[in-house]
Amino acid sequence: MPRRSPRWQGLLAVLICAALALSPSLAEARAGSSHSGFGHSTPGMGSRGLRTFEHNGAQPITRSTTPAPAPHAAGPIGASPAYGGSFFQRHPFLTGLFGGFLGSWLFHGLGGMGNALGTLLTLVIVGFLVFLAVRWFTGRRFSVGGGTPRSVGAAAAPAPSYRGDDVAVGDPDLNAFQSIHAAVQEAWSRSDLVRMRQLMTPEMVGYFSEELTRNASQGVQNLVSEIRLLKGEVSESWHEGDLQYATAYLRWSAIDYLVRIGRSPDAPDYLVSGDPRSAVESEEMWTFVRRRGGSWLLSAIQQV
């Protein structure tokens, strides 16, 4: 009388097959101020030279005329499948081997015919394994060439790129940054693009002009007054040829609110948002640039 396979073996086989099929998708199914002043709708904008896309403790720059660096082939974006993905993706050889023996094990529950098929399948798998082992060993022997292979980390690490030479700035420079900060806020509140062109790079003038145009099309104006710098310190400064950059952390307070253009202050719909009686605080990183011997200009703003 033929021996019947317990039901739990069949159920287990189904679960294992499902795990093999779904393992790649399961491995990847894992998770992540100021009231209305300029620049608060985006994490960062402008250019910081060679350090534009470096992490500096603030929100990354997402709008810039500086070309983004190409991702390194060995980095996280282009990682080799041999070191990424699920276990079954990283070990397709073992996956095939396991599937073969799983099929052989299932065939044992089908009687003599199943045993014969299982034995034949086992012989085919063993022969295939020997073939792959010979191919792999021969190819590796000629590719290594007797030299000492580098570690995976060393092979994947990109070569360090030039990011400018660090330089120091003094108190007069920090005072200039504070003056530019206050002047930019005042020019923004007056929608004064002529003044902005004296304070910032053409790229930043373009961003400010775009935001002013958007506000005008919506019939609103952002008013900023009573600006007080609470803390200012230079976090890094460097030069790239004739250009010198400096990034400063600025924490400041101001009366910051949005009003409707063409309405009198006593009109019920004059105030759109914000509070004209209470100051709000902001934290930002401002980057400045100048040519050798020239004046500092605002070149980037990042939220903190």
C-alpha atoms as a PDB file:
ATOM      1  CA  MET A   1       0.000   0.000   0.000  1.00  0.00           C
ATOM      2  CA  PRO A   2       1.602   3.287  -1.045  1.00  0.00           C
ATOM      3  CA  ARG A   3       2.476   5.673   1.722  1.00  0.00           C
ATOM      4  CA  ARG A   4       0.541   8.937   1.570  1.00  0.00           C
ATOM      5  CA  SER A   5       2.312  12.221   2.139  1.00  0.00           C
ATOM      6  CA  PRO A   6       1.125  14.162   5.163  1.00  0.00           C
ATOM      7  CA  ARG A   7      -0.911  17.252   4.300  1.00  0.00           C
ATOM      8  CA  TRP A   8       1.521  19.551   6.078  1.00  0.00           C
ATOM      9  CA  GLN A   9       4.222  18.674   3.524  1.00  0.00           C
ATOM     10  CA  GLY A  10       2.049  19.899   0.683  1.00  0.00           C
ATOM     11  CA  LEU A  11       1.150  23.068   2.549  1.00  0.00           C
ATOM     12  CA  LEU A  12       4.788  23.721   3.392  1.00  0.00           C
ATOM     13  CA  ALA A  13       5.757  23.253  -0.244  1.00  0.00           C
ATOM     14  CA  VAL A  14       3.165  25.811  -1.330  1.00  0.00           C
ATOM     15  CA  LEU A  15       4.414  28.326   1.260  1.00  0.00           C
ATOM     16  CA  ILE A  16       8.043  27.858   0.186  1.00  0.00           C
ATOM     17  CA  CYS A  17       7.146  28.366  -3.469  1.00  0.00           C
ATOM     18  CA  ALA A  18       5.211  31.504  -2.571  1.00  0.00           C
ATOM     19  CA  ALA A  19       8.178  32.805  -0.620  1.00  0.00           C
ATOM     20  CA  LEU A  20      10.447  32.201  -3.605  1.00  0.00           C
ATOM     21  CA  ALA A  21       8.085  34.057  -5.904  1.00  0.00           C
ATOM     22  CA  LEU A  22       7.386  36.996  -3.599  1.00  0.00           C
ATOM     23  CA  SER A  23      10.762  37.453  -1.929  1.00  0.00           C
ATOM     24  CA  PRO A  24      11.993  40.280  -4.252  1.00  0.00           C
ATOM     25  CA  SER A  25       8.853  42.362  -3.720  1.00  0.00           C
ATOM     26  CA  LEU A  26       8.788  41.731   0.027  1.00  0.00           C
ATOM     27  CA  ALA A  27      12.412  42.764   0.353  1.00  0.00           C
ATOM     28  CA  GLU A  28      11.711  46.088  -1.361  1.00  0.00           C
ATOM     29  CA  ALA A  29       8.437  46.904   0.457  1.00  0.00           C
ATOM     30  CA  ARG A  30       9.927  49.072   3.163  1.00  0.00           C
ATOM     31  CA  ALA A  31       9.547  52.688   3.972  1.00  0.00           C
ATOM     32  CA  GLY A  32      10.039  57.774   4.819  1.00  0.00           C
ATOM     33  CA  SER A  33       9.607  79.232  10.030  1.00  0.00           C
ATOM     34  CA  SER A  34       8.806  81.872   8.660  1.00  0.00           C
ATOM     35  CA  HIS A  35       5.150  82.151   7.728  1.00  0.00           C
ATOM     36  CA  SER A  36       5.176  83.368   4.173  1.00  0.00           C
ATOM     37  CA  GLY A  37       8.582  84.820   3.302  1.00  0.00           C
ATOM     38  CA  PHE A  38      10.417  84.040   0.097  1.00  0.00           C
ATOM     39  CA  GLY A  39      11.970  80.611  -0.293  1.00  0.00           C
ATOM     40  CA  HIS A  40       9.828  78.749   2.236  1.00  0.00           C
ATOM     41  CA  SER A  41       8.041  76.731  -0.419  1.00  0.00           C
ATOM     42  CA  THR A  42      11.205  74.904  -1.463  1.00  0.00           C
ATOM     43  CA  PRO A  43      14.016  73.236   0.548  1.00  0.00           C
ATOM     44  CA  GLY A  44      16.805  75.136  -1.205  1.00  0.00           C
ATOM     45  CA  MET A  45      17.688  77.119  -4.307  1.00  0.00           C
ATOM     46  CA  GLY A  46      20.703  78.714  -5.914  1.00  0.00           C
ATOM     47  CA  SER A  47      24.302  77.630  -6.364  1.00  0.00           C
ATOM     48  CA  ARG A  48      27.161  76.869  -3.989  1.00  0.00           C
ATOM     49  CA  GLY A  49      29.800  76.197  -6.623  1.00  0.00           C
ATOM     50  CA  LEU A  50      31.394  72.773  -6.334  1.00  0.00           C
ATOM     51  CA  ARG A  51      29.534  72.196  -3.046  1.00  0.00           C
ATOM     52  CA  THR A  52      26.044  72.876  -4.401  1.00  0.00           C
ATOM     53  CA  PHE A  53      24.790  69.342  -3.801  1.00  0.00           C
ATOM     54  CA  GLU A  54      26.825  68.522  -0.705  1.00  0.00           C
ATOM     55  CA  HIS A  55      25.007  67.907   2.572  1.00  0.00           C
ATOM     56  CA  ASN A  56      25.740  70.841   4.881  1.00  0.00           C
ATOM     57  CA  GLY A  57      23.161  70.347   7.634  1.00  0.00           C
ATOM     58  CA  ALA A  58      20.387  72.190   5.774  1.00  0.00           C
ATOM     59  CA  GLN A  59      17.733  71.117   3.303  1.00  0.00           C
ATOM     60  CA  PRO A  60      19.239  70.089  -0.053  1.00  0.00           C
ATOM     61  CA  ILE A  61      19.261  72.474  -2.992  1.00  0.00           C
ATOM     62  CA  THR A  62      16.616  71.363  -5.472  1.00  0.00           C
ATOM     63  CA  ARG A  63      16.613  74.373  -7.821  1.00  0.00           C
ATOM     64  CA  SER A  64      19.960  75.315  -9.289  1.00  0.00           C
ATOM     65  CA  THR A  65      21.632  76.184 -12.561  1.00  0.00           C
ATOM     66  CA  THR A  66      24.625  74.117 -11.427  1.00  0.00           C
ATOM     67  CA  PRO A  67      24.543  70.714 -13.176  1.00  0.00           C
ATOM     68  CA  ALA A  68      23.939  67.842 -10.777  1.00  0.00           C
ATOM     69  CA  PRO A  69      26.836  65.360 -10.593  1.00  0.00           C
ATOM     70  CA  ALA A  70      26.321  62.053 -12.370  1.00  0.00           C
ATOM     71  CA  PRO A  71      25.739  59.155  -9.948  1.00  0.00           C
ATOM     72  CA  HIS A  72      28.750  56.877  -9.512  1.00  0.00           C
ATOM     73  CA  ALA A  73      28.306  53.503 -11.147  1.00  0.00           C
ATOM     74  CA  ALA A  74      29.288  51.686  -7.939  1.00  0.00           C
ATOM     75  CA  GLY A  75      27.164  53.853  -5.681  1.00  0.00           C
ATOM     76  CA  PRO A  76      23.776  53.112  -4.161  1.00  0.00           C
ATOM     77  CA  ILE A  77      21.879  54.102  -7.338  1.00  0.00           C
ATOM     78  CA  GLY A  78      23.777  51.772  -9.621  1.00  0.00           C
ATOM     79  CA  ALA A  79      24.637  49.091  -7.109  1.00  0.00           C
ATOM     80  CA  SER A  80      25.545  45.707  -8.504  1.00  0.00           C
ATOM     81  CA  PRO A  81      22.873  43.034  -8.084  1.00  0.00           C
ATOM     82  CA  ALA A  82      25.516  40.905  -6.393  1.00  0.00           C
ATOM     83  CA  TYR A  83      25.350  43.192  -3.357  1.00  0.00           C
ATOM     84  CA  GLY A  84      21.751  44.365  -3.399  1.00  0.00           C
ATOM     85  CA  GLY A  85      18.218  43.003  -3.435  1.00  0.00           C
ATOM     86  CA  SER A  86      16.807  40.044  -1.574  1.00  0.00           C
ATOM     87  CA  PHE A  87      18.714  36.879  -0.667  1.00  0.00           C
ATOM     88  CA  PHE A  88      17.239  35.034  -3.634  1.00  0.00           C
ATOM     89  CA  GLN A  89      18.159  37.882  -6.000  1.00  0.00           C
ATOM     90  CA  ARG A  90      21.740  37.922  -4.701  1.00  0.00           C
ATOM     91  CA  HIS A  91      22.028  34.102  -4.853  1.00  0.00           C
ATOM     92  CA  PRO A  92      20.178  32.905  -7.969  1.00  0.00           C
ATOM     93  CA  PHE A  93      22.434  29.841  -8.053  1.00  0.00           C
ATOM     94  CA  LEU A  94      21.305  28.752  -4.587  1.00  0.00           C
ATOM     95  CA  THR A  95      17.717  29.583  -5.478  1.00  0.00           C
ATOM     96  CA  GLY A  96      17.832  27.226  -8.455  1.00  0.00           C
ATOM     97  CA  LEU A  97      19.507  24.516  -6.397  1.00  0.00           C
ATOM     98  CA  PHE A  98      16.921  24.791  -3.652  1.00  0.00           C
ATOM     99  CA  GLY A  99      14.085  24.741  -6.175  1.00  0.00           C
ATOM    100  CA  GLY A 100      15.494  21.577  -7.751  1.00  0.00           C
ATOM    101  CA  PHE A 101      15.709  19.724  -4.494  1.00  0.00           C
ATOM    102  CA  LEU A 102      12.270  21.000  -3.541  1.00  0.00           C
ATOM    103  CA  GLY A 103      10.864  19.542  -6.732  1.00  0.00           C
ATOM    104  CA  SER A 104      12.653  16.272  -6.081  1.00  0.00           C
ATOM    105  CA  TRP A 105      11.244  16.155  -2.558  1.00  0.00           C
ATOM    106  CA  LEU A 106       7.714  16.753  -3.863  1.00  0.00           C
ATOM    107  CA  PHE A 107       8.056  13.995  -6.452  1.00  0.00           C
ATOM    108  CA  HIS A 108       8.670  11.466  -3.663  1.00  0.00           C
ATOM    109  CA  GLY A 109       5.039  11.824  -2.709  1.00  0.00           C
ATOM    110  CA  LEU A 110       3.922  10.573  -6.142  1.00  0.00           C
ATOM    111  CA  GLY A 111       5.081   6.960  -5.815  1.00  0.00           C
ATOM    112  CA  GLY A 112       7.613   5.084  -7.937  1.00  0.00           C
ATOM    113  CA  MET A 113       7.244   7.314 -10.954  1.00  0.00           C
ATOM    114  CA  GLY A 114       7.888  10.356  -8.815  1.00  0.00           C
ATOM    115  CA  ASN A 115      10.980   8.720  -7.321  1.00  0.00           C
ATOM    116  CA  ALA A 116      12.379   8.013 -10.773  1.00  0.00           C
ATOM    117  CA  LEU A 117      11.749  11.559 -11.946  1.00  0.00           C
ATOM    118  CA  GLY A 118      13.205  12.937  -8.716  1.00  0.00           C
ATOM    119  CA  THR A 119      16.386  10.858  -9.157  1.00  0.00           C
ATOM    120  CA  LEU A 120      16.748  11.987 -12.760  1.00  0.00           C
ATOM    121  CA  LEU A 121      16.267  15.613 -11.782  1.00  0.00           C
ATOM    122  CA  THR A 122      18.896  15.257  -9.046  1.00  0.00           C
ATOM    123  CA  LEU A 123      21.427  13.842 -11.538  1.00  0.00           C
ATOM    124  CA  VAL A 124      20.762  16.709 -13.948  1.00  0.00           C
ATOM    125  CA  ILE A 125      21.236  19.283 -11.170  1.00  0.00           C
ATOM    126  CA  VAL A 126      24.478  17.680  -9.950  1.00  0.00           C
ATOM    127  CA  GLY A 127      25.880  17.648 -13.479  1.00  0.00           C
ATOM    128  CA  PHE A 128      24.915  21.269 -13.978  1.00  0.00           C
ATOM    129  CA  LEU A 129      26.567  22.200 -10.678  1.00  0.00           C
ATOM    130  CA  VAL A 130      29.816  20.543 -11.725  1.00  0.00           C
ATOM    131  CA  PHE A 131      29.716  22.380 -15.057  1.00  0.00           C
ATOM    132  CA  LEU A 132      29.165  25.769 -13.375  1.00  0.00           C
ATOM    133  CA  ALA A 133      31.876  25.112 -10.785  1.00  0.00           C
ATOM    134  CA  VAL A 134      34.453  24.348 -13.486  1.00  0.00           C
ATOM    135  CA  ARG A 135      33.458  27.446 -15.502  1.00  0.00           C
ATOM    136  CA  TRP A 136      33.564  29.685 -12.425  1.00  0.00           C
ATOM    137  CA  PHE A 137      36.896  28.374 -11.154  1.00  0.00           C
ATOM    138  CA  THR A 138      38.561  28.636 -14.548  1.00  0.00           C
ATOM    139  CA  GLY A 139      37.262  32.143 -15.211  1.00  0.00           C
ATOM    140  CA  ARG A 140      38.230  33.378 -11.744  1.00  0.00           C
ATOM    141  CA  ARG A 141      41.755  31.937 -12.035  1.00  0.00           C
ATOM    142  CA  PHE A 142      42.451  33.875 -15.236  1.00  0.00           C
ATOM    143  CA  SER A 143      40.704  37.075 -14.139  1.00  0.00           C
ATOM    144  CA  VAL A 144      42.537  37.342 -10.806  1.00  0.00           C
ATOM    145  CA  GLY A 145      45.934  36.853 -12.450  1.00  0.00           C
ATOM    146  CA  GLY A 146      47.716  36.132  -9.168  1.00  0.00           C
ATOM    147  CA  GLY A 147      47.340  39.689  -7.887  1.00  0.00           C
ATOM    148  CA  THR A 148      45.799  40.717  -4.599  1.00  0.00           C
ATOM    149  CA  PRO A 149      42.166  41.632  -5.217  1.00  0.00           C
ATOM    150  CA  ARG A 150      40.877  44.837  -3.679  1.00  0.00           C
ATOM    151  CA  SER A 151      38.117  44.666  -1.136  1.00  0.00           C
ATOM    152  CA  VAL A 152      34.555  45.312  -2.279  1.00  0.00           C
ATOM    153  CA  GLY A 153      34.479  48.592  -0.371  1.00  0.00           C
ATOM    154  CA  ALA A 154      37.677  49.820  -1.982  1.00  0.00           C
ATOM    155  CA  ALA A 155      36.439  48.918  -5.432  1.00  0.00           C
ATOM    156  CA  ALA A 156      33.103  50.661  -4.917  1.00  0.00           C
ATOM    157  CA  ALA A 157      34.414  53.837  -3.270  1.00  0.00           C
ATOM    158  CA  PRO A 158      34.448  56.758  -5.732  1.00  0.00           C
ATOM    159  CA  ALA A 159      37.589  58.809  -6.047  1.00  0.00           C
ATOM    160  CA  PRO A 160      37.444  61.992  -3.959  1.00  0.00           C
ATOM    161  CA  SER A 161      36.464  64.994  -6.068  1.00  0.00           C
ATOM    162  CA  TYR A 162      37.860  68.499  -5.812  1.00  0.00           C
ATOM    163  CA  ARG A 163      35.566  70.751  -3.763  1.00  0.00           C
ATOM    164  CA  GLY A 164      37.566  73.957  -3.539  1.00  0.00           C
ATOM    165  CA  ASP A 165      40.111  75.107  -0.961  1.00  0.00           C
ATOM    166  CA  ASP A 166      38.932  76.131   2.487  1.00  0.00           C
ATOM    167  CA  VAL A 167      39.664  79.733   3.453  1.00  0.00           C
ATOM    168  CA  ALA A 168      38.789  81.904   6.444  1.00  0.00           C
ATOM    169  CA  VAL A 169      36.545  84.947   6.499  1.00  0.00           C
ATOM    170  CA  GLY A 170      36.601  87.678   9.126  1.00  0.00           C
ATOM    171  CA  ASP A 171      34.134  89.810  11.050  1.00  0.00           C
ATOM    172  CA  PRO A 172      33.850  92.389   8.230  1.00  0.00           C
ATOM    173  CA  ASP A 173      32.588  89.609   5.953  1.00  0.00           C
ATOM    174  CA  LEU A 174      30.024  88.437   8.512  1.00  0.00           C
ATOM    175  CA  ASN A 175      28.836  92.032   8.920  1.00  0.00           C
ATOM    176  CA  ALA A 176      28.432  92.215   5.140  1.00  0.00           C
ATOM    177  CA  PHE A 177      26.337  89.022   5.199  1.00  0.00           C
ATOM    178  CA  GLN A 178      24.057  90.488   7.863  1.00  0.00           C
ATOM    179  CA  SER A 179      23.633  93.716   5.889  1.00  0.00           C
ATOM    180  CA  ILE A 180      22.788  91.804   2.704  1.00  0.00           C
ATOM    181  CA  HIS A 181      20.268  89.693   4.617  1.00  0.00           C
ATOM    182  CA  ALA A 182      18.398  92.735   5.910  1.00  0.00           C
ATOM    183  CA  ALA A 183      18.567  94.534   2.555  1.00  0.00           C
ATOM    184  CA  VAL A 184      17.221  91.510   0.672  1.00  0.00           C
ATOM    185  CA  GLN A 185      14.251  91.243   3.040  1.00  0.00           C
ATOM    186  CA  GLU A 186      13.457  94.922   2.604  1.00  0.00           C
ATOM    187  CA  ALA A 187      13.757  94.751  -1.208  1.00  0.00           C
ATOM    188  CA  TRP A 188      11.553  91.662  -1.233  1.00  0.00           C
ATOM    189  CA  SER A 189       8.893  93.414   0.823  1.00  0.00           C
ATOM    190  CA  ARG A 190       8.905  96.350  -1.634  1.00  0.00           C
ATOM    191  CA  SER A 191       9.061  94.080  -4.722  1.00  0.00           C
ATOM    192  CA  ASP A 192      12.170  96.013  -5.703  1.00  0.00           C
ATOM    193  CA  LEU A 193      13.980  93.974  -8.354  1.00  0.00           C
ATOM    194  CA  VAL A 194      16.370  96.828  -9.143  1.00  0.00           C
ATOM    195  CA  ARG A 195      17.714  96.676  -5.587  1.00  0.00           C
ATOM    196  CA  MET A 196      17.814  92.867  -5.674  1.00  0.00           C
ATOM    197  CA  ARG A 197      20.140  92.936  -8.689  1.00  0.00           C
ATOM    198  CA  GLN A 198      22.665  94.773  -6.529  1.00  0.00           C
ATOM    199  CA  LEU A 199      22.466  92.174  -3.756  1.00  0.00           C
ATOM    200  CA  MET A 200      22.359  88.747  -5.428  1.00  0.00           C
ATOM    201  CA  THR A 201      23.454  86.698  -8.409  1.00  0.00           C
ATOM    202  CA  PRO A 202      21.396  86.746 -11.632  1.00  0.00           C
ATOM    203  CA  GLU A 203      20.245  83.201 -10.820  1.00  0.00           C
ATOM    204  CA  MET A 204      18.775  84.271  -7.490  1.00  0.00           C
ATOM    205  CA  VAL A 205      17.235  87.397  -9.067  1.00  0.00           C
ATOM    206  CA  GLY A 206      15.432  85.057 -11.433  1.00  0.00           C
ATOM    207  CA  TYR A 207      13.988  82.997  -8.550  1.00  0.00           C
ATOM    208  CA  PHE A 208      12.887  86.112  -6.658  1.00  0.00           C
ATOM    209  CA  SER A 209      11.348  87.597  -9.805  1.00  0.00           C
ATOM    210  CA  GLU A 210       9.454  84.381 -10.466  1.00  0.00           C
ATOM    211  CA  GLU A 211       8.035  84.377  -6.938  1.00  0.00           C
ATOM    212  CA  LEU A 212       7.046  88.041  -7.139  1.00  0.00           C
ATOM    213  CA  THR A 213       5.275  87.380 -10.431  1.00  0.00           C
ATOM    214  CA  ARG A 214       3.388  84.472  -8.867  1.00  0.00           C
ATOM    215  CA  ASN A 215       2.272  86.631  -5.947  1.00  0.00           C
ATOM    216  CA  ALA A 216       1.181  89.453  -8.267  1.00  0.00           C
ATOM    217  CA  SER A 217      -0.846  87.041 -10.393  1.00  0.00           C
ATOM    218  CA  GLN A 218      -2.625  85.912  -7.235  1.00  0.00           C
ATOM    219  CA  GLY A 219      -3.213  89.497  -6.124  1.00  0.00           C
ATOM    220  CA  VAL A 220      -1.156  89.240  -2.926  1.00  0.00           C
ATOM    221  CA  GLN A 221       1.990  90.826  -1.489  1.00  0.00           C
ATOM    222  CA  ASN A 222       4.323  89.544   1.199  1.00  0.00           C
ATOM    223  CA  LEU A 223       5.273  92.242   3.726  1.00  0.00           C
ATOM    224  CA  VAL A 224       8.334  91.726   5.943  1.00  0.00           C
ATOM    225  CA  SER A 225       9.363  94.274   8.584  1.00  0.00           C
ATOM    226  CA  GLU A 226      11.137  94.637  11.942  1.00  0.00           C
ATOM    227  CA  ILE A 227      13.895  92.244  10.891  1.00  0.00           C
ATOM    228  CA  ARG A 228      16.166  91.201  13.758  1.00  0.00           C
ATOM    229  CA  LEU A 229      19.124  88.881  13.337  1.00  0.00           C
ATOM    230  CA  LEU A 230      19.231  86.638  16.405  1.00  0.00           C
ATOM    231  CA  LYS A 231      22.280  84.574  15.468  1.00  0.00           C
ATOM    232  CA  GLY A 232      24.718  84.556  12.594  1.00  0.00           C
ATOM    233  CA  GLU A 233      27.817  82.450  12.083  1.00  0.00           C
ATOM    234  CA  VAL A 234      29.864  81.254   9.131  1.00  0.00           C
ATOM    235  CA  SER A 235      29.716  77.478   8.751  1.00  0.00           C
ATOM    236  CA  GLU A 236      32.137  77.112   5.820  1.00  0.00           C
ATOM    237  CA  SER A 237      34.033  79.228   3.320  1.00  0.00           C
ATOM    238  CA  TRP A 238      36.180  78.260   0.353  1.00  0.00           C
ATOM    239  CA  HIS A 239      37.465  79.516  -2.977  1.00  0.00           C
ATOM    240  CA  GLU A 240      37.335  78.087  -6.486  1.00  0.00           C
ATOM    241  CA  GLY A 241      39.780  79.954  -8.683  1.00  0.00           C
ATOM    242  CA  ASP A 242      38.793  83.629  -8.655  1.00  0.00           C
ATOM    243  CA  LEU A 243      35.502  82.926  -6.847  1.00  0.00           C
ATOM    244  CA  GLN A 244      35.136  82.817  -3.089  1.00  0.00           C
ATOM    245  CA  TYR A 245      32.108  81.282  -1.366  1.00  0.00           C
ATOM    246  CA  ALA A 246      30.871  81.449   2.201  1.00  0.00           C
ATOM    247  CA  THR A 247      27.826  79.795   3.800  1.00  0.00           C
ATOM    248  CA  ALA A 248      26.386  81.330   6.974  1.00  0.00           C
ATOM    249  CA  TYR A 249      23.781  80.060   9.400  1.00  0.00           C
ATOM    250  CA  LEU A 250      21.232  82.818  10.106  1.00  0.00           C
ATOM    251  CA  ARG A 251      18.481  82.752  12.708  1.00  0.00           C
ATOM    252  CA  TRP A 252      16.244  85.796  12.566  1.00  0.00           C
ATOM    253  CA  SER A 253      12.829  87.131  13.469  1.00  0.00           C
ATOM    254  CA  ALA A 254      10.496  89.444  11.568  1.00  0.00           C
ATOM    255  CA  ILE A 255       6.917  90.558  11.160  1.00  0.00           C
ATOM    256  CA  ASP A 256       5.955  88.456   8.161  1.00  0.00           C
ATOM    257  CA  TYR A 257       2.468  88.384   6.648  1.00  0.00           C
ATOM    258  CA  LEU A 258       0.564  88.270   3.359  1.00  0.00           C
ATOM    259  CA  VAL A 259      -1.938  90.953   2.274  1.00  0.00           C
ATOM    260  CA  ARG A 260      -4.261  91.442  -0.653  1.00  0.00           C
ATOM    261  CA  ILE A 261      -3.108  94.035  -3.192  1.00  0.00           C
ATOM    262  CA  GLY A 262      -5.461  97.010  -3.643  1.00  0.00           C
ATOM    263  CA  ARG A 263      -7.212  96.579  -0.278  1.00  0.00           C
ATOM    264  CA  SER A 264      -6.945  99.066   2.572  1.00  0.00           C
ATOM    265  CA  PRO A 265      -5.608  97.782   5.898  1.00  0.00           C
ATOM    266  CA  ASP A 266      -9.050  98.139   7.479  1.00  0.00           C
ATOM    267  CA  ALA A 267     -10.775  96.037   4.797  1.00  0.00           C
ATOM    268  CA  PRO A 268     -12.032  92.647   6.066  1.00  0.00           C
ATOM    269  CA  ASP A 269     -10.194  90.707   3.338  1.00  0.00           C
ATOM    270  CA  TYR A 270      -6.933  92.719   3.522  1.00  0.00           C
ATOM    271  CA  LEU A 271      -5.007  90.139   5.574  1.00  0.00           C
ATOM    272  CA  VAL A 272      -4.526  86.847   3.738  1.00  0.00           C
ATOM    273  CA  SER A 273      -2.247  85.029   6.187  1.00  0.00           C
ATOM    274  CA  GLY A 274       0.238  85.719   8.972  1.00  0.00           C
ATOM    275  CA  ASP A 275       0.052  88.157  11.885  1.00  0.00           C
ATOM    276  CA  PRO A 276       1.078  91.823  11.477  1.00  0.00           C
ATOM    277  CA  ARG A 277       1.490  92.139  15.238  1.00  0.00           C
ATOM    278  CA  SER A 278       3.611  89.080  16.125  1.00  0.00           C
ATOM    279  CA  ALA A 279       7.113  88.275  14.953  1.00  0.00           C
ATOM    280  CA  VAL A 280       8.044  84.809  13.727  1.00  0.00           C
ATOM    281  CA  GLU A 281      11.474  83.170  13.670  1.00  0.00           C
ATOM    282  CA  SER A 282      13.285  81.514  10.774  1.00  0.00           C
ATOM    283  CA  GLU A 283      16.453  79.448  10.395  1.00  0.00           C
ATOM    284  CA  GLU A 284      18.219  79.457   7.070  1.00  0.00           C
ATOM    285  CA  MET A 285      21.605  78.885   5.485  1.00  0.00           C
ATOM    286  CA  TRP A 286      22.598  81.688   3.106  1.00  0.00           C
ATOM    287  CA  THR A 287      25.520  81.265   0.732  1.00  0.00           C
ATOM    288  CA  PHE A 288      27.373  84.273  -0.650  1.00  0.00           C
ATOM    289  CA  VAL A 289      29.858  84.562  -3.506  1.00  0.00           C
ATOM    290  CA  ARG A 290      32.282  87.219  -4.729  1.00  0.00           C
ATOM    291  CA  ARG A 291      35.067  87.569  -7.224  1.00  0.00           C
ATOM    292  CA  ARG A 292      38.500  88.382  -5.960  1.00  0.00           C
ATOM    293  CA  GLY A 293      38.364  91.950  -4.679  1.00  0.00           C
ATOM    294  CA  GLY A 294      34.635  92.307  -5.377  1.00  0.00           C
ATOM    295  CA  SER A 295      31.497  92.595  -3.233  1.00  0.00           C
ATOM    296  CA  TRP A 296      29.573  89.692  -1.753  1.00  0.00           C
ATOM    297  CA  LEU A 297      26.350  88.620  -3.467  1.00  0.00           C
ATOM    298  CA  LEU A 298      23.664  86.207  -2.281  1.00  0.00           C
ATOM    299  CA  SER A 299      23.939  82.982  -4.316  1.00  0.00           C
ATOM    300  CA  ALA A 300      21.820  80.386  -2.449  1.00  0.00           C
ATOM    301  CA  ILE A 301      19.195  79.981   0.291  1.00  0.00           C
ATOM    302  CA  GLN A 302      18.480  76.753   2.159  1.00  0.00           C
ATOM    303  CA  GLN A 303      15.950  76.048   4.885  1.00  0.00           C
ATOM    304  CA  VAL A 304      17.169  74.493   8.116  1.00  0.00           C
END
